[in-house]
Amino acid sequence: RGVGSEIALEVAGRDVDTLGVLIPDLGRPLENVTEDPDRNRLLLLDIAVRWLEGLGNHHHVIIVLDDLQWADSSTFDLLDHVMAAPVAAPPPW
């Protein structure tokens, strides 16, 4: 929400329909769904990582982790996936 829908849509690119599951404010339906829930979960995790990478190409990104004692397994799966992603050199601002 801090990014705003316009930038979120721009950064989402080809993933915009599926990303709507994570960011309901985008108002997009879920597409690319398979009958395999594990595959769908991995798809969403990959898209979240690509979205954060794309956002980082436009803005500084800081991820603040607070109250992790209340986090569920899905949150930890996402954090694991984000931390395991290769990090490209930051753009020269």
PDB file of N, CA and C in Angstrom:
ATOM      1  N   ARG A   1       0.823  -1.196   0.000  1.00  0.00           N
ATOM      2  CA  ARG A   1       0.000   0.000   0.000  1.00  0.00           C
ATOM      3  C   ARG A   1       0.861   1.252   0.000  1.00  0.00           C
ATOM      4  N   GLY A   2       2.021   1.192   0.626  1.00  0.00           N
ATOM      5  CA  GLY A   2       2.901   2.346   0.658  1.00  0.00           C
ATOM      6  C   GLY A   2       3.452   2.687  -0.710  1.00  0.00           C
ATOM      7  N   VAL A   3       3.469   1.727  -1.601  1.00  0.00           N
ATOM      8  CA  VAL A   3       3.988   1.932  -2.951  1.00  0.00           C
ATOM      9  C   VAL A   3       2.951   2.628  -3.820  1.00  0.00           C
ATOM     10  N   GLY A   4       1.701   2.302  -3.637  1.00  0.00           N
ATOM     11  CA  GLY A   4       0.637   2.843  -4.464  1.00  0.00           C
ATOM     12  C   GLY A   4       0.301   1.901  -5.606  1.00  0.00           C
ATOM     13  N   SER A   5      -0.960   1.873  -5.982  1.00  0.00           N
ATOM     14  CA  SER A   5      -1.427   0.935  -6.999  1.00  0.00           C
ATOM     15  C   SER A   5      -0.779   1.160  -8.351  1.00  0.00           C
ATOM     16  N   GLU A   6      -0.565   2.407  -8.728  1.00  0.00           N
ATOM     17  CA  GLU A   6       0.009   2.695 -10.047  1.00  0.00           C
ATOM     18  C   GLU A   6       1.405   2.099 -10.194  1.00  0.00           C
ATOM     19  N   ILE A   7       2.258   2.327  -9.213  1.00  0.00           N
ATOM     20  CA  ILE A   7       3.615   1.775  -9.268  1.00  0.00           C
ATOM     21  C   ILE A   7       3.572   0.262  -9.125  1.00  0.00           C
ATOM     22  N   ALA A   8       2.696  -0.239  -8.251  1.00  0.00           N
ATOM     23  CA  ALA A   8       2.576  -1.687  -8.078  1.00  0.00           C
ATOM     24  C   ALA A   8       2.210  -2.359  -9.393  1.00  0.00           C
ATOM     25  N   LEU A   9       1.288  -1.771 -10.136  1.00  0.00           N
ATOM     26  CA  LEU A   9       0.895  -2.325 -11.432  1.00  0.00           C
ATOM     27  C   LEU A   9       2.042  -2.262 -12.436  1.00  0.00           C
ATOM     28  N   GLU A  10       2.740  -1.145 -12.461  1.00  0.00           N
ATOM     29  CA  GLU A  10       3.857  -0.988 -13.392  1.00  0.00           C
ATOM     30  C   GLU A  10       4.944  -2.013 -13.120  1.00  0.00           C
ATOM     31  N   VAL A  11       5.289  -2.204 -11.881  1.00  0.00           N
ATOM     32  CA  VAL A  11       6.358  -3.131 -11.505  1.00  0.00           C
ATOM     33  C   VAL A  11       5.922  -4.580 -11.717  1.00  0.00           C
ATOM     34  N   ALA A  12       4.649  -4.865 -11.528  1.00  0.00           N
ATOM     35  CA  ALA A  12       4.165  -6.240 -11.629  1.00  0.00           C
ATOM     36  C   ALA A  12       4.323  -6.811 -13.033  1.00  0.00           C
ATOM     37  N   GLY A  13       4.157  -5.992 -14.042  1.00  0.00           N
ATOM     38  CA  GLY A  13       4.329  -6.458 -15.412  1.00  0.00           C
ATOM     39  C   GLY A  13       3.488  -7.685 -15.722  1.00  0.00           C
ATOM     40  N   ARG A  14       4.139  -8.730 -16.219  1.00  0.00           N
ATOM     41  CA  ARG A  14       3.429  -9.941 -16.647  1.00  0.00           C
ATOM     42  C   ARG A  14       2.791 -10.702 -15.494  1.00  0.00           C
ATOM     43  N   ASP A  15       3.202 -10.406 -14.264  1.00  0.00           N
ATOM     44  CA  ASP A  15       2.696 -11.122 -13.097  1.00  0.00           C
ATOM     45  C   ASP A  15       1.478 -10.451 -12.464  1.00  0.00           C
ATOM     46  N   VAL A  16       0.953  -9.400 -13.075  1.00  0.00           N
ATOM     47  CA  VAL A  16      -0.067  -8.586 -12.431  1.00  0.00           C
ATOM     48  C   VAL A  16      -1.307  -9.388 -12.034  1.00  0.00           C
ATOM     49  N   ASP A  17      -1.741 -10.309 -12.865  1.00  0.00           N
ATOM     50  CA  ASP A  17      -2.962 -11.048 -12.526  1.00  0.00           C
ATOM     51  C   ASP A  17      -2.771 -11.928 -11.306  1.00  0.00           C
ATOM     52  N   THR A  18      -1.675 -12.620 -11.245  1.00  0.00           N
ATOM     53  CA  THR A  18      -1.430 -13.507 -10.118  1.00  0.00           C
ATOM     54  C   THR A  18      -1.042 -12.718  -8.869  1.00  0.00           C
ATOM     55  N   LEU A  19      -0.346 -11.614  -9.041  1.00  0.00           N
ATOM     56  CA  LEU A  19       0.062 -10.799  -7.899  1.00  0.00           C
ATOM     57  C   LEU A  19      -1.137 -10.218  -7.158  1.00  0.00           C
ATOM     58  N   GLY A  20      -2.273 -10.132  -7.821  1.00  0.00           N
ATOM     59  CA  GLY A  20      -3.482  -9.635  -7.180  1.00  0.00           C
ATOM     60  C   GLY A  20      -3.888 -10.445  -5.962  1.00  0.00           C
ATOM     61  N   VAL A  21      -3.420 -11.680  -5.878  1.00  0.00           N
ATOM     62  CA  VAL A  21      -3.701 -12.500  -4.700  1.00  0.00           C
ATOM     63  C   VAL A  21      -2.974 -11.931  -3.489  1.00  0.00           C
ATOM     64  N   LEU A  22      -1.758 -11.447  -3.697  1.00  0.00           N
ATOM     65  CA  LEU A  22      -0.971 -10.899  -2.597  1.00  0.00           C
ATOM     66  C   LEU A  22      -1.310  -9.440  -2.316  1.00  0.00           C
ATOM     67  N   ILE A  23      -1.723  -8.723  -3.365  1.00  0.00           N
ATOM     68  CA  ILE A  23      -2.048  -7.309  -3.215  1.00  0.00           C
ATOM     69  C   ILE A  23      -3.463  -7.105  -3.756  1.00  0.00           C
ATOM     70  N   PRO A  24      -4.478  -7.365  -2.956  1.00  0.00           N
ATOM     71  CA  PRO A  24      -5.864  -7.290  -3.433  1.00  0.00           C
ATOM     72  C   PRO A  24      -6.244  -5.921  -3.985  1.00  0.00           C
ATOM     73  N   ASP A  25      -5.550  -4.859  -3.555  1.00  0.00           N
ATOM     74  CA  ASP A  25      -5.872  -3.523  -4.045  1.00  0.00           C
ATOM     75  C   ASP A  25      -5.643  -3.391  -5.546  1.00  0.00           C
ATOM     76  N   LEU A  26      -4.901  -4.316  -6.137  1.00  0.00           N
ATOM     77  CA  LEU A  26      -4.689  -4.264  -7.583  1.00  0.00           C
ATOM     78  C   LEU A  26      -5.973  -4.610  -8.330  1.00  0.00           C
ATOM     79  N   GLY A  27      -6.896  -5.292  -7.653  1.00  0.00           N
ATOM     80  CA  GLY A  27      -8.184  -5.590  -8.238  1.00  0.00           C
ATOM     81  C   GLY A  27      -8.119  -6.527  -9.425  1.00  0.00           C
ATOM     82  N   ARG A  28      -7.150  -7.405  -9.427  1.00  0.00           N
ATOM     83  CA  ARG A  28      -7.000  -8.337 -10.539  1.00  0.00           C
ATOM     84  C   ARG A  28      -7.395  -9.741 -10.095  1.00  0.00           C
ATOM     85  N   PRO A  29      -7.981 -10.520 -10.985  1.00  0.00           N
ATOM     86  CA  PRO A  29      -8.329 -11.899 -10.629  1.00  0.00           C
ATOM     87  C   PRO A  29      -7.101 -12.803 -10.665  1.00  0.00           C
ATOM     88  N   LEU A  30      -7.181 -13.882  -9.947  1.00  0.00           N
ATOM     89  CA  LEU A  30      -6.103 -14.864  -9.956  1.00  0.00           C
ATOM     90  C   LEU A  30      -6.140 -15.653 -11.250  1.00  0.00           C
ATOM     91  N   GLU A  31      -5.025 -15.684 -11.928  1.00  0.00           N
ATOM     92  CA  GLU A  31      -4.884 -16.501 -13.134  1.00  0.00           C
ATOM     93  C   GLU A  31      -3.636 -17.342 -12.965  1.00  0.00           C
ATOM     94  N   ASN A  32      -3.347 -18.134 -13.927  1.00  0.00           N
ATOM     95  CA  ASN A  32      -2.174 -19.020 -13.907  1.00  0.00           C
ATOM     96  C   ASN A  32      -2.260 -20.074 -12.807  1.00  0.00           C
ATOM     97  N   VAL A  33      -3.463 -20.330 -12.304  1.00  0.00           N
ATOM     98  CA  VAL A  33      -3.634 -21.304 -11.240  1.00  0.00           C
ATOM     99  C   VAL A  33      -3.599 -22.709 -11.826  1.00  0.00           C
ATOM    100  N   THR A  34      -2.920 -23.585 -11.129  1.00  0.00           N
ATOM    101  CA  THR A  34      -2.896 -24.984 -11.531  1.00  0.00           C
ATOM    102  C   THR A  34      -3.706 -25.772 -10.509  1.00  0.00           C
ATOM    103  N   GLU A  35      -3.804 -27.056 -10.712  1.00  0.00           N
ATOM    104  CA  GLU A  35      -4.520 -27.886  -9.743  1.00  0.00           C
ATOM    105  C   GLU A  35      -3.601 -28.367  -8.637  1.00  0.00           C
ATOM    106  N   ASP A  36      -2.356 -27.978  -8.698  1.00  0.00           N
ATOM    107  CA  ASP A  36      -1.364 -28.390  -7.714  1.00  0.00           C
ATOM    108  C   ASP A  36      -1.123 -27.243  -6.727  1.00  0.00           C
ATOM    109  N   PRO A  37      -1.612 -27.358  -5.489  1.00  0.00           N
ATOM    110  CA  PRO A  37      -1.458 -26.257  -4.535  1.00  0.00           C
ATOM    111  C   PRO A  37       0.003 -25.919  -4.236  1.00  0.00           C
ATOM    112  N   ASP A  38       0.887 -26.914  -4.243  1.00  0.00           N
ATOM    113  CA  ASP A  38       2.302 -26.632  -4.003  1.00  0.00           C
ATOM    114  C   ASP A  38       2.891 -25.798  -5.138  1.00  0.00           C
ATOM    115  N   ARG A  39       2.489 -26.105  -6.361  1.00  0.00           N
ATOM    116  CA  ARG A  39       2.954 -25.334  -7.516  1.00  0.00           C
ATOM    117  C   ARG A  39       2.417 -23.908  -7.453  1.00  0.00           C
ATOM    118  N   ASN A  40       1.160 -23.756  -7.070  1.00  0.00           N
ATOM    119  CA  ASN A  40       0.581 -22.413  -6.941  1.00  0.00           C
ATOM    120  C   ASN A  40       1.312 -21.598  -5.879  1.00  0.00           C
ATOM    121  N   ARG A  41       1.654 -22.251  -4.788  1.00  0.00           N
ATOM    122  CA  ARG A  41       2.373 -21.570  -3.703  1.00  0.00           C
ATOM    123  C   ARG A  41       3.741 -21.107  -4.182  1.00  0.00           C
ATOM    124  N   LEU A  42       4.454 -21.972  -4.887  1.00  0.00           N
ATOM    125  CA  LEU A  42       5.764 -21.612  -5.416  1.00  0.00           C
ATOM    126  C   LEU A  42       5.641 -20.482  -6.429  1.00  0.00           C
ATOM    127  N   LEU A  43       4.614 -20.526  -7.257  1.00  0.00           N
ATOM    128  CA  LEU A  43       4.366 -19.471  -8.228  1.00  0.00           C
ATOM    129  C   LEU A  43       4.199 -18.126  -7.531  1.00  0.00           C
ATOM    130  N   LEU A  44       3.397 -18.078  -6.482  1.00  0.00           N
ATOM    131  CA  LEU A  44       3.198 -16.830  -5.748  1.00  0.00           C
ATOM    132  C   LEU A  44       4.487 -16.352  -5.087  1.00  0.00           C
ATOM    133  N   LEU A  45       5.270 -17.272  -4.547  1.00  0.00           N
ATOM    134  CA  LEU A  45       6.538 -16.889  -3.916  1.00  0.00           C
ATOM    135  C   LEU A  45       7.491 -16.305  -4.954  1.00  0.00           C
ATOM    136  N   ASP A  46       7.583 -16.940  -6.116  1.00  0.00           N
ATOM    137  CA  ASP A  46       8.447 -16.426  -7.183  1.00  0.00           C
ATOM    138  C   ASP A  46       8.004 -15.042  -7.643  1.00  0.00           C
ATOM    139  N   ILE A  47       6.700 -14.871  -7.782  1.00  0.00           N
ATOM    140  CA  ILE A  47       6.170 -13.582  -8.220  1.00  0.00           C
ATOM    141  C   ILE A  47       6.451 -12.495  -7.177  1.00  0.00           C
ATOM    142  N   ALA A  48       6.302 -12.814  -5.918  1.00  0.00           N
ATOM    143  CA  ALA A  48       6.589 -11.836  -4.859  1.00  0.00           C
ATOM    144  C   ALA A  48       8.042 -11.398  -4.919  1.00  0.00           C
ATOM    145  N   VAL A  49       8.945 -12.333  -5.145  1.00  0.00           N
ATOM    146  CA  VAL A  49      10.369 -11.991  -5.245  1.00  0.00           C
ATOM    147  C   VAL A  49      10.618 -11.114  -6.471  1.00  0.00           C
ATOM    148  N   ARG A  50      10.036 -11.473  -7.614  1.00  0.00           N
ATOM    149  CA  ARG A  50      10.219 -10.663  -8.830  1.00  0.00           C
ATOM    150  C   ARG A  50       9.658  -9.259  -8.632  1.00  0.00           C
ATOM    151  N   TRP A  51       8.529  -9.151  -7.919  1.00  0.00           N
ATOM    152  CA  TRP A  51       7.928  -7.846  -7.688  1.00  0.00           C
ATOM    153  C   TRP A  51       8.836  -6.975  -6.814  1.00  0.00           C
ATOM    154  N   LEU A  52       9.377  -7.568  -5.771  1.00  0.00           N
ATOM    155  CA  LEU A  52      10.301  -6.807  -4.916  1.00  0.00           C
ATOM    156  C   LEU A  52      11.547  -6.386  -5.690  1.00  0.00           C
ATOM    157  N   GLU A  53      12.057  -7.260  -6.543  1.00  0.00           N
ATOM    158  CA  GLU A  53      13.211  -6.908  -7.376  1.00  0.00           C
ATOM    159  C   GLU A  53      12.865  -5.759  -8.319  1.00  0.00           C
ATOM    160  N   GLY A  54      11.698  -5.856  -8.949  1.00  0.00           N
ATOM    161  CA  GLY A  54      11.273  -4.788  -9.853  1.00  0.00           C
ATOM    162  C   GLY A  54      11.076  -3.475  -9.133  1.00  0.00           C
ATOM    163  N   LEU A  55      10.510  -3.539  -7.952  1.00  0.00           N
ATOM    164  CA  LEU A  55      10.322  -2.332  -7.156  1.00  0.00           C
ATOM    165  C   LEU A  55      11.674  -1.716  -6.813  1.00  0.00           C
ATOM    166  N   GLY A  56      12.643  -2.568  -6.511  1.00  0.00           N
ATOM    167  CA  GLY A  56      13.982  -2.087  -6.190  1.00  0.00           C
ATOM    168  C   GLY A  56      14.653  -1.378  -7.349  1.00  0.00           C
ATOM    169  N   ASN A  57      14.213  -1.633  -8.565  1.00  0.00           N
ATOM    170  CA  ASN A  57      14.757  -0.930  -9.723  1.00  0.00           C
ATOM    171  C   ASN A  57      14.197   0.475  -9.862  1.00  0.00           C
ATOM    172  N   HIS A  58      13.112   0.779  -9.137  1.00  0.00           N
ATOM    173  CA  HIS A  58      12.471   2.088  -9.214  1.00  0.00           C
ATOM    174  C   HIS A  58      12.626   2.906  -7.938  1.00  0.00           C
ATOM    175  N   HIS A  59      12.762   2.221  -6.815  1.00  0.00           N
ATOM    176  CA  HIS A  59      12.781   2.901  -5.515  1.00  0.00           C
ATOM    177  C   HIS A  59      13.717   2.160  -4.568  1.00  0.00           C
ATOM    178  N   HIS A  60      14.133   2.858  -3.531  1.00  0.00           N
ATOM    179  CA  HIS A  60      14.837   2.178  -2.458  1.00  0.00           C
ATOM    180  C   HIS A  60      13.828   1.291  -1.740  1.00  0.00           C
ATOM    181  N   VAL A  61      14.235   0.102  -1.380  1.00  0.00           N
ATOM    182  CA  VAL A  61      13.335  -0.826  -0.699  1.00  0.00           C
ATOM    183  C   VAL A  61      13.953  -1.222   0.635  1.00  0.00           C
ATOM    184  N   ILE A  62      13.179  -1.064   1.671  1.00  0.00           N
ATOM    185  CA  ILE A  62      13.590  -1.504   3.007  1.00  0.00           C
ATOM    186  C   ILE A  62      12.499  -2.447   3.505  1.00  0.00           C
ATOM    187  N   ILE A  63      12.907  -3.609   3.934  1.00  0.00           N
ATOM    188  CA  ILE A  63      11.956  -4.564   4.482  1.00  0.00           C
ATOM    189  C   ILE A  63      12.153  -4.583   5.990  1.00  0.00           C
ATOM    190  N   VAL A  64      11.107  -4.222   6.704  1.00  0.00           N
ATOM    191  CA  VAL A  64      11.150  -4.186   8.162  1.00  0.00           C
ATOM    192  C   VAL A  64      10.388  -5.390   8.684  1.00  0.00           C
ATOM    193  N   LEU A  65      11.030  -6.147   9.528  1.00  0.00           N
ATOM    194  CA  LEU A  65      10.406  -7.334  10.120  1.00  0.00           C
ATOM    195  C   LEU A  65      10.118  -7.038  11.587  1.00  0.00           C
ATOM    196  N   ASP A  66       8.859  -7.081  11.930  1.00  0.00           N
ATOM    197  CA  ASP A  66       8.451  -6.774  13.290  1.00  0.00           C
ATOM    198  C   ASP A  66       7.424  -7.814  13.731  1.00  0.00           C
ATOM    199  N   ASP A  67       7.432  -8.141  14.981  1.00  0.00           N
ATOM    200  CA  ASP A  67       6.473  -9.080  15.566  1.00  0.00           C
ATOM    201  C   ASP A  67       6.477 -10.446  14.887  1.00  0.00           C
ATOM    202  N   LEU A  68       7.666 -10.924  14.549  1.00  0.00           N
ATOM    203  CA  LEU A  68       7.761 -12.230  13.889  1.00  0.00           C
ATOM    204  C   LEU A  68       7.274 -13.370  14.771  1.00  0.00           C
ATOM    205  N   GLN A  69       7.138 -13.129  16.047  1.00  0.00           N
ATOM    206  CA  GLN A  69       6.618 -14.188  16.908  1.00  0.00           C
ATOM    207  C   GLN A  69       5.171 -14.521  16.537  1.00  0.00           C
ATOM    208  N   TRP A  70       4.491 -13.630  15.800  1.00  0.00           N
ATOM    209  CA  TRP A  70       3.109 -13.867  15.392  1.00  0.00           C
ATOM    210  C   TRP A  70       3.015 -14.378  13.947  1.00  0.00           C
ATOM    211  N   ALA A  71       4.146 -14.510  13.283  1.00  0.00           N
ATOM    212  CA  ALA A  71       4.147 -14.922  11.875  1.00  0.00           C
ATOM    213  C   ALA A  71       3.721 -16.379  11.733  1.00  0.00           C
ATOM    214  N   ASP A  72       3.057 -16.670  10.622  1.00  0.00           N
ATOM    215  CA  ASP A  72       2.656 -18.044  10.343  1.00  0.00           C
ATOM    216  C   ASP A  72       3.649 -18.682   9.369  1.00  0.00           C
ATOM    217  N   SER A  73       3.438 -19.932   9.050  1.00  0.00           N
ATOM    218  CA  SER A  73       4.388 -20.649   8.191  1.00  0.00           C
ATOM    219  C   SER A  73       4.442 -20.050   6.787  1.00  0.00           C
ATOM    220  N   SER A  74       3.340 -19.500   6.296  1.00  0.00           N
ATOM    221  CA  SER A  74       3.349 -18.868   4.977  1.00  0.00           C
ATOM    222  C   SER A  74       4.266 -17.653   4.958  1.00  0.00           C
ATOM    223  N   THR A  75       4.247 -16.882   6.030  1.00  0.00           N
ATOM    224  CA  THR A  75       5.124 -15.716   6.128  1.00  0.00           C
ATOM    225  C   THR A  75       6.581 -16.152   6.123  1.00  0.00           C
ATOM    226  N   PHE A  76       6.904 -17.190   6.881  1.00  0.00           N
ATOM    227  CA  PHE A  76       8.277 -17.678   6.911  1.00  0.00           C
ATOM    228  C   PHE A  76       8.699 -18.261   5.568  1.00  0.00           C
ATOM    229  N   ASP A  77       7.772 -18.912   4.881  1.00  0.00           N
ATOM    230  CA  ASP A  77       8.081 -19.418   3.538  1.00  0.00           C
ATOM    231  C   ASP A  77       8.435 -18.270   2.600  1.00  0.00           C
ATOM    232  N   LEU A  78       7.664 -17.191   2.667  1.00  0.00           N
ATOM    233  CA  LEU A  78       7.948 -16.032   1.832  1.00  0.00           C
ATOM    234  C   LEU A  78       9.296 -15.418   2.188  1.00  0.00           C
ATOM    235  N   LEU A  79       9.567 -15.252   3.469  1.00  0.00           N
ATOM    236  CA  LEU A  79      10.854 -14.686   3.883  1.00  0.00           C
ATOM    237  C   LEU A  79      12.013 -15.566   3.437  1.00  0.00           C
ATOM    238  N   ASP A  80      11.877 -16.869   3.586  1.00  0.00           N
ATOM    239  CA  ASP A  80      12.920 -17.795   3.120  1.00  0.00           C
ATOM    240  C   ASP A  80      13.148 -17.629   1.627  1.00  0.00           C
ATOM    241  N   HIS A  81      12.072 -17.518   0.876  1.00  0.00           N
ATOM    242  CA  HIS A  81      12.166 -17.402  -0.579  1.00  0.00           C
ATOM    243  C   HIS A  81      12.833 -16.083  -0.977  1.00  0.00           C
ATOM    244  N   VAL A  82      12.477 -15.010  -0.308  1.00  0.00           N
ATOM    245  CA  VAL A  82      13.082 -13.700  -0.597  1.00  0.00           C
ATOM    246  C   VAL A  82      14.564 -13.726  -0.260  1.00  0.00           C
ATOM    247  N   MET A  83      14.910 -14.291   0.890  1.00  0.00           N
ATOM    248  CA  MET A  83      16.318 -14.305   1.301  1.00  0.00           C
ATOM    249  C   MET A  83      17.168 -15.224   0.441  1.00  0.00           C
ATOM    250  N   ALA A  84      16.569 -16.248  -0.157  1.00  0.00           N
ATOM    251  CA  ALA A  84      17.327 -17.183  -0.991  1.00  0.00           C
ATOM    252  C   ALA A  84      17.529 -16.660  -2.407  1.00  0.00           C
ATOM    253  N   ALA A  85      16.779 -15.623  -2.780  1.00  0.00           N
ATOM    254  CA  ALA A  85      16.891 -15.097  -4.145  1.00  0.00           C
ATOM    255  C   ALA A  85      18.227 -14.381  -4.322  1.00  0.00           C
ATOM    256  N   PRO A  86      18.842 -14.556  -5.497  1.00  0.00           N
ATOM    257  CA  PRO A  86      20.087 -13.835  -5.742  1.00  0.00           C
ATOM    258  C   PRO A  86      19.834 -12.328  -5.767  1.00  0.00           C
ATOM    259  N   VAL A  87      20.773 -11.584  -5.267  1.00  0.00           N
ATOM    260  CA  VAL A  87      20.637 -10.134  -5.198  1.00  0.00           C
ATOM    261  C   VAL A  87      21.510  -9.503  -6.275  1.00  0.00           C
ATOM    262  N   ALA A  88      20.881  -8.721  -7.129  1.00  0.00           N
ATOM    263  CA  ALA A  88      21.620  -8.006  -8.169  1.00  0.00           C
ATOM    264  C   ALA A  88      22.202  -6.738  -7.573  1.00  0.00           C
ATOM    265  N   ALA A  89      23.178  -6.184  -8.261  1.00  0.00           N
ATOM    266  CA  ALA A  89      23.764  -4.919  -7.813  1.00  0.00           C
ATOM    267  C   ALA A  89      22.686  -3.844  -7.836  1.00  0.00           C
ATOM    268  N   PRO A  90      22.687  -2.969  -6.845  1.00  0.00           N
ATOM    269  CA  PRO A  90      21.668  -1.922  -6.818  1.00  0.00           C
ATOM    270  C   PRO A  90      21.871  -0.954  -7.990  1.00  0.00           C
ATOM    271  N   PRO A  91      20.774  -0.335  -8.449  1.00  0.00           N
ATOM    272  CA  PRO A  91      20.912   0.646  -9.538  1.00  0.00           C
ATOM    273  C   PRO A  91      21.693   1.856  -9.054  1.00  0.00           C
ATOM    274  N   PRO A  92      22.395   2.511  -9.942  1.00  0.00           N
ATOM    275  CA  PRO A  92      23.201   3.691  -9.547  1.00  0.00           C
ATOM    276  C   PRO A  92      22.335   4.931  -9.443  1.00  0.00           C
ATOM    277  N   TRP A  93      21.788   5.186  -8.255  1.00  0.00           N
ATOM    278  CA  TRP A  93      20.941   6.370  -8.084  1.00  0.00           C
ATOM    279  C   TRP A  93      21.793   7.565  -7.892  1.00  0.00           C
TER     280      TRP A  93
END
